[in-house]
Protein backbone atom coordinates (compact mmCIF):
# COMPACT_ATOMS: atom_id res chain seq x y z
CA LEU A 1 -41.67 -10.17 -61.75
CA ARG A 2 -43.70 -8.80 -58.87
CA MET A 3 -42.79 -11.77 -56.67
CA ARG A 4 -39.10 -11.37 -57.49
CA TYR A 5 -39.28 -7.64 -56.81
CA ARG A 6 -40.93 -8.23 -53.44
CA LEU A 7 -38.33 -10.84 -52.54
CA TYR A 8 -35.45 -8.54 -53.44
CA LYS A 9 -37.11 -5.66 -51.64
CA GLU A 10 -37.39 -7.70 -48.43
CA VAL A 11 -33.77 -8.83 -48.72
CA LEU A 12 -32.62 -5.22 -49.21
CA GLN A 13 -34.67 -4.08 -46.23
CA HIS A 14 -33.14 -6.79 -44.04
CA LEU A 15 -29.65 -5.84 -45.23
CA GLN A 16 -30.29 -2.17 -44.47
CA SER A 17 -31.61 -3.08 -41.03
CA LEU A 18 -28.59 -5.31 -40.35
CA ASN A 19 -26.25 -2.56 -41.52
CA GLY A 20 -27.85 -0.13 -39.08
CA ILE A 21 -27.47 -2.61 -36.22
CA LEU A 22 -23.81 -3.23 -37.09
CA GLN A 23 -23.10 0.50 -37.22
CA ALA A 24 -24.80 1.03 -33.84
CA ASN A 25 -22.80 -1.87 -32.34
CA GLU A 26 -19.57 -0.41 -33.71
CA ILE A 27 -20.35 3.01 -32.22
CA GLU A 28 -21.14 1.40 -28.85
CA ARG A 29 -17.96 -0.71 -28.99
CA ASN A 30 -15.87 2.40 -29.71
CA ARG A 31 -17.58 4.26 -26.87
CA ILE A 32 -16.85 1.45 -24.40
CA GLU A 33 -13.24 1.19 -25.61
CA GLU A 34 -12.77 4.94 -25.19
CA ALA A 35 -14.28 4.78 -21.68
CA LYS A 36 -12.00 1.83 -20.89
CA GLN A 37 -8.89 3.75 -21.96
CA GLU A 38 -9.93 6.77 -19.89
CA TRP A 39 -10.60 4.45 -16.95
CA ILE A 40 -7.13 2.85 -17.24
CA ALA A 41 -5.57 6.31 -17.27
CA GLY A 42 -7.59 7.22 -14.19
CA ILE A 43 -6.57 4.03 -12.36
CA SER A 44 -2.91 4.71 -13.17
CA HIS A 45 -3.28 8.17 -11.66
CA ASP A 46 -5.12 6.81 -8.62
CA LEU A 47 -2.29 4.35 -7.93
CA LYS A 48 0.45 6.87 -8.62
CA THR A 49 -0.89 9.46 -6.16
CA PRO A 50 -0.66 7.37 -2.94
CA LEU A 51 2.61 5.86 -4.17
CA THR A 52 4.05 9.39 -4.39
CA TYR A 53 3.08 10.00 -0.75
CA ILE A 54 4.59 6.68 0.35
CA ARG A 55 7.88 7.37 -1.38
CA GLY A 56 7.97 10.95 -0.08
CA TYR A 57 7.39 10.04 3.58
CA SER A 58 9.78 7.09 3.29
CA ALA A 59 12.49 9.42 1.97
CA LEU A 60 11.93 11.76 4.91
CA LEU A 61 12.27 8.92 7.43
CA LEU A 62 15.42 7.61 5.74
CA ASN A 63 17.07 11.03 5.49
CA GLU A 64 19.96 10.95 7.97
CA GLN A 65 20.31 14.75 7.94
CA TYR A 66 17.22 15.09 10.13
CA GLU A 67 16.31 13.63 13.49
CA TRP A 68 12.57 13.26 13.63
CA SER A 69 10.72 13.18 16.93
CA ARG A 70 8.74 10.08 17.86
CA GLU A 71 5.49 11.93 17.14
CA GLU A 72 6.70 13.11 13.72
CA ALA A 73 7.90 9.64 12.76
CA SER A 74 4.59 8.12 13.87
CA SER A 75 2.73 10.69 11.79
CA PHE A 76 4.75 9.78 8.69
CA ILE A 77 4.17 6.07 9.29
CA ARG A 78 0.42 6.61 9.68
CA GLU A 79 0.34 8.44 6.36
CA ILE A 80 2.29 5.62 4.69
CA ASP A 81 -0.10 3.06 6.18
CA ASP A 82 -3.16 5.04 5.07
CA LYS A 83 -1.91 5.39 1.49
CA GLY A 84 -0.91 1.72 1.46
CA MET A 85 -4.45 0.69 2.47
CA HIS A 86 -5.84 2.94 -0.27
CA MET A 87 -3.65 1.21 -2.87
CA GLU A 88 -4.69 -2.17 -1.47
CA ALA A 89 -8.37 -1.26 -1.89
CA LEU A 90 -7.78 -0.23 -5.51
CA ILE A 91 -5.99 -3.49 -6.26
CA GLN A 92 -8.76 -5.50 -4.57
CA ASP A 93 -11.31 -3.80 -6.84
CA LEU A 94 -9.26 -4.73 -9.90
CA SER A 95 -8.86 -8.32 -8.70
CA LEU A 96 -12.56 -8.72 -7.91
CA VAL A 97 -13.76 -7.33 -11.22
CA THR A 98 -11.37 -9.68 -13.02
CA GLN A 99 -13.03 -12.58 -11.18
CA LEU A 100 -16.48 -11.27 -12.07
CA ASN A 101 -15.54 -10.92 -15.75
CA ARG A 102 -14.20 -14.44 -16.15
CA ALA A 103 -15.37 -16.31 -19.23
CA ASP A 104 -17.58 -18.68 -17.23
CA GLY A 105 -19.16 -15.74 -15.39
CA THR A 106 -19.19 -17.57 -12.07
CA LEU A 107 -18.09 -16.41 -8.64
CA PRO A 108 -17.39 -18.86 -5.81
CA LEU A 109 -19.99 -17.81 -3.22
CA GLN A 110 -20.09 -19.35 0.24
CA LYS A 111 -23.77 -18.80 1.00
CA MET A 112 -25.21 -19.42 4.44
CA ASN A 113 -28.74 -18.88 5.73
CA GLN A 114 -28.34 -15.78 7.92
CA ASP A 115 -30.30 -12.94 9.45
CA ILE A 116 -29.97 -10.09 6.97
CA VAL A 117 -31.44 -7.62 9.50
CA GLU A 118 -28.76 -8.17 12.15
CA PHE A 119 -26.04 -8.39 9.50
CA THR A 120 -27.02 -5.07 7.90
CA LYS A 121 -27.31 -3.42 11.30
CA ARG A 122 -23.68 -4.38 12.04
CA VAL A 123 -22.50 -3.01 8.69
CA VAL A 124 -24.30 0.30 9.36
CA ALA A 125 -22.59 0.47 12.78
CA ASP A 126 -19.18 -0.17 11.18
CA ILE A 127 -19.75 2.56 8.59
CA SER A 128 -20.90 4.97 11.32
CA ASN A 129 -17.54 4.49 13.07
CA ASN A 130 -15.61 5.24 9.88
CA PRO A 131 -13.89 8.66 10.15
CA GLN A 132 -15.23 9.56 6.69
CA ALA A 133 -18.78 9.18 8.03
CA SER A 134 -18.31 11.27 11.18
CA SER A 135 -20.27 14.23 9.74
CA TYR A 136 -23.13 12.14 8.32
CA GLN A 137 -26.26 10.84 10.00
CA LEU A 138 -26.95 7.13 9.40
CA HIS A 139 -30.37 5.73 10.28
CA PHE A 140 -31.48 2.09 10.37
CA GLN A 141 -35.00 0.64 10.29
CA ALA A 142 -36.41 -2.86 9.71
CA ASP A 143 -39.98 -4.09 9.31
CA LEU A 144 -39.17 -7.33 11.17
CA PRO A 145 -36.72 -8.08 14.00
CA ALA A 146 -35.19 -10.88 11.88
CA MET A 147 -35.28 -12.01 8.25
CA HIS A 148 -33.27 -14.96 6.96
CA VAL A 149 -31.63 -14.93 3.52
CA ASP A 150 -28.98 -17.10 1.86
CA PHE A 151 -25.93 -14.91 1.24
CA ASP A 152 -22.14 -14.79 1.30
CA SER A 153 -21.08 -12.64 4.28
CA LYS A 154 -17.92 -11.24 2.69
CA PHE A 155 -19.56 -10.21 -0.56
CA MET A 156 -22.76 -8.95 1.07
CA GLN A 157 -20.68 -6.70 3.30
CA ARG A 158 -18.94 -5.41 0.17
CA ILE A 159 -22.30 -4.68 -1.47
CA LEU A 160 -23.63 -2.69 1.49
CA GLN A 161 -20.36 -0.87 2.14
CA ASN A 162 -20.00 0.21 -1.48
CA VAL A 163 -23.51 1.68 -1.62
CA MET A 164 -23.32 3.42 1.78
CA MET A 165 -19.85 4.82 1.11
CA ASN A 166 -21.07 6.04 -2.27
CA SER A 167 -23.70 8.11 -0.42
CA ILE A 168 -21.04 9.47 1.91
CA ILE A 169 -18.32 10.24 -0.64
CA HIS A 170 -20.59 11.98 -3.14
CA ASN A 171 -22.69 14.05 -0.74
CA PRO A 172 -21.94 17.06 1.47
CA GLU A 173 -21.53 16.79 5.23
CA HIS A 174 -24.64 16.41 7.40
CA THR A 175 -26.46 14.42 4.70
CA ASP A 176 -28.91 11.89 6.16
CA ILE A 177 -28.52 8.29 4.99
CA TYR A 178 -31.39 5.88 5.64
CA VAL A 179 -31.02 2.10 5.54
CA GLN A 180 -34.32 0.22 5.55
CA ILE A 181 -35.13 -3.49 5.33
CA ALA A 182 -38.60 -4.61 4.27
CA ASP A 183 -40.35 -7.92 3.70
CA ALA A 184 -41.70 -8.30 0.15
CA GLY A 185 -42.93 -11.87 0.27
CA GLU A 186 -40.42 -13.92 -1.68
CA HIS A 187 -37.79 -11.21 -1.42
CA ALA A 188 -36.01 -9.21 1.25
CA VAL A 189 -35.76 -5.55 0.23
CA ILE A 190 -32.82 -3.38 1.31
CA ARG A 191 -33.17 0.33 0.56
CA ILE A 192 -30.31 2.76 1.05
CA MET A 193 -31.51 6.34 0.60
CA ASP A 194 -30.07 9.79 1.15
CA ASN A 195 -31.32 13.36 0.96
CA GLY A 196 -28.16 14.57 -0.75
CA VAL A 197 -27.36 16.27 -4.04
CA GLY A 198 -28.81 13.56 -6.29
CA MET A 199 -27.73 12.72 -9.83
CA PRO A 200 -28.79 13.78 -13.34
CA ASN A 201 -30.49 11.22 -15.58
CA HIS A 202 -27.41 10.48 -17.70
CA MET A 203 -25.42 9.60 -14.57
CA VAL A 204 -28.17 7.31 -13.30
CA GLU A 205 -28.25 5.51 -16.65
CA GLN A 206 -24.48 4.90 -16.61
CA LEU A 207 -23.96 4.29 -12.90
CA PHE A 208 -23.61 0.50 -13.13
CA GLN A 209 -21.34 0.57 -16.17
CA GLN A 210 -17.96 -0.94 -15.41
CA TYR A 211 -15.73 1.95 -16.54
CA TYR A 212 -17.93 4.86 -15.47
CA ARG A 213 -16.23 7.26 -13.06
CA GLY A 214 -18.95 9.84 -12.56
CA THR A 215 -19.16 12.16 -9.59
CA THR A 216 -21.85 14.51 -8.33
CA THR A 217 -19.37 16.98 -6.86
CA ASP A 218 -16.49 19.09 -8.13
CA THR A 219 -14.01 16.70 -6.54
CA SER A 220 -12.59 13.71 -8.36
CA SER A 221 -13.67 10.21 -7.42
CA ASP A 222 -11.53 8.41 -4.85
CA GLY A 223 -12.52 5.05 -6.23
CA THR A 224 -11.83 2.97 -9.29
CA GLY A 225 -15.10 3.55 -11.09
CA LEU A 226 -15.85 -0.10 -10.33
CA GLY A 227 -17.80 0.31 -7.09
CA MET A 228 -21.33 0.28 -8.47
CA ALA A 229 -20.50 -2.20 -11.25
CA ILE A 230 -19.18 -4.55 -8.56
CA VAL A 231 -22.37 -4.05 -6.53
CA GLN A 232 -24.56 -4.99 -9.49
CA LYS A 233 -22.52 -8.10 -10.36
CA LEU A 234 -22.40 -9.28 -6.73
CA VAL A 235 -26.14 -8.78 -6.27
CA GLN A 236 -26.78 -10.71 -9.48
CA ALA A 237 -24.47 -13.48 -8.21
CA HIS A 238 -26.90 -13.74 -5.25
CA ASP A 239 -29.80 -14.10 -7.73
CA GLY A 240 -30.91 -10.61 -6.76
CA LYS A 241 -31.50 -7.27 -8.45
CA VAL A 242 -30.34 -3.72 -7.72
CA THR A 243 -31.90 -0.51 -9.06
CA VAL A 244 -31.31 3.18 -8.46
CA GLU A 245 -33.52 6.27 -8.55
CA SER A 246 -32.25 9.80 -8.17
CA LYS A 247 -33.18 13.44 -8.73
CA LEU A 248 -30.93 16.45 -8.55
CA THR A 249 -31.12 18.22 -5.15
CA GLU A 250 -33.54 15.53 -3.87
CA GLY A 251 -31.22 12.61 -3.14
CA THR A 252 -30.65 9.06 -4.31
CA SER A 253 -32.27 5.72 -3.49
CA PHE A 254 -30.79 2.26 -4.08
CA THR A 255 -33.08 -0.78 -3.88
CA ILE A 256 -31.64 -4.29 -3.51
CA LEU A 257 -33.91 -7.34 -3.88
CA LEU A 258 -32.67 -10.66 -2.48
CA PRO A 259 -34.52 -13.99 -2.70
CA LYS A 260 -35.49 -15.24 0.76
CA GLN A 261 -35.45 -18.94 -0.15
CA ARG A 262 -32.59 -21.02 -1.42
CA ARG A 263 -32.90 -21.87 -5.11
CA ILE A 264 -32.53 -25.54 -5.97
CA GLY A 265 -30.98 -26.73 -9.20
């Protein structure tokens, strides 16, 4: 009887444990589904806002009751072009994340052995010339004059741009942004740090989640909530790793590790 009791007791304990796991999984699934629905609503709003501008300025240009000056017409067209590019960026995010979430989990990378130092320096220069970055100080430093890594130029540029623009969009003007490249033996290390407002722990923990649209300011996010999730997936596609550390009022630091040698097999 004792043996039977022990057997039943173990079975009951396993069932209770399994029930707890199933309940936790169901809660997590519901949380993700709720976040997904909120994200879809946010994306719909993000697409609708520039579309409203485009239709409004188009209506003004087509209105025969007014004769717009060349300068006024050019101003309207610039606004239409700007909003169109914003919509294009949103759609590109959606398209890319669909690729990344494919069943086979693969992404067609066109890796080439390149100098990550020179490449990153060019990306920093491009970001510095972006009007959104005009009030921010970007700094670049590298341990070595050159460091060769296998990477896809298009997707690596996307990784670096997303992280740097995240530091710009979510921090006040005159924030310093530091981009450093270090040699860590088998890996190249890219650190992108700022001395901005930082993030609370719960935001750090959720930053790489696909449907998370957090912001450290009172303004709404201009992005899709996919920026950091895309960064993580693209870094992983390069056999690398990305981590983030942040403290409120002390700034944020992203660390990207990339293997320096091509993996065979």
